[in-house]
């Protein structure tokens, strides 16, 4: 069936943080069902996470504790969301982040995982536009002339993702393609709600984009990092040299000012970050690089 004649559901959520397996929870769910360019149905609700929303996270999506105080909890919201998506093909940007939160919530509530396949529009963007390094939602909004001066809210992001995907579809159709099979051939294997598939490496694409920018500009980055083992959290100033993939994980290789040597940092363990105005203490071409080995020098 042609993608323009198929129901596709675009969804997004807002959360208290970056990782559901470390206690973060959903605070908003937004989804739209579309057939071609037409939006035919919406699903949108705030969610009471039953825990405080950190102030630095509220600055991103604008959702406060007071706004969710009288909202339904996830055990009330999830059944309605599952009913809404039905058997649709699902679309999400950086999809492992979103389905990771949903899968964690479904596991907590002893709900069965849906059979829907999920297409990651972040992966799709990288495949369709390899000439670009950056593919976060805000970058794509700018690329396709959509507004960016607002809080990240779930329904708005889902609607914008639909608009962005229609641009993707136009590019796909230029090559005489346009079926779901064509889409999966371009994307690669679709994601599912099986938590065993999506638990590794949940981090926002903005982190990747910012680290790439810092590497290019040779600017130091202040990161909050959760070490392995006991899960100790600390702040580090790092000169980021490069991002590498080893096995299932993405690592930042950089000079750690705290340790005084090059280290490897798993991106999904970076819980907060800020680009500084300081240049590298040691130029990337003279400082010793850590070897991306998960058993060695994992700060």
Foldseek 3Di string as FASTA:
>chain_A
DFQLAAKEKEKDWAWLFFAVVVPIATFKIKMFIHRHLGTDDIDIFTAQAVDFRDPVSCVQAVDGNVNHVPTHHPVVVLVVVCVVCPQHAYEYALVLRVLLNVLSSCVVVVHDFDPHFYFHVQLLCCLLCVVDDADALLVLCVVVVHDDPHHDHINVSRSSVSVSVSVSQVSLCVVVDGDPVSSCVSRPGTDGSPNVVRNPDGDHSVLVVVLVVCQVVQFWKWWWFQFPDPRDTDIWIWRFNDWDDDDPFIWTWTQTPVVRAIAIETRSRGGDMDTDPDGHPDDNVPGDIDDPDPVPRHD
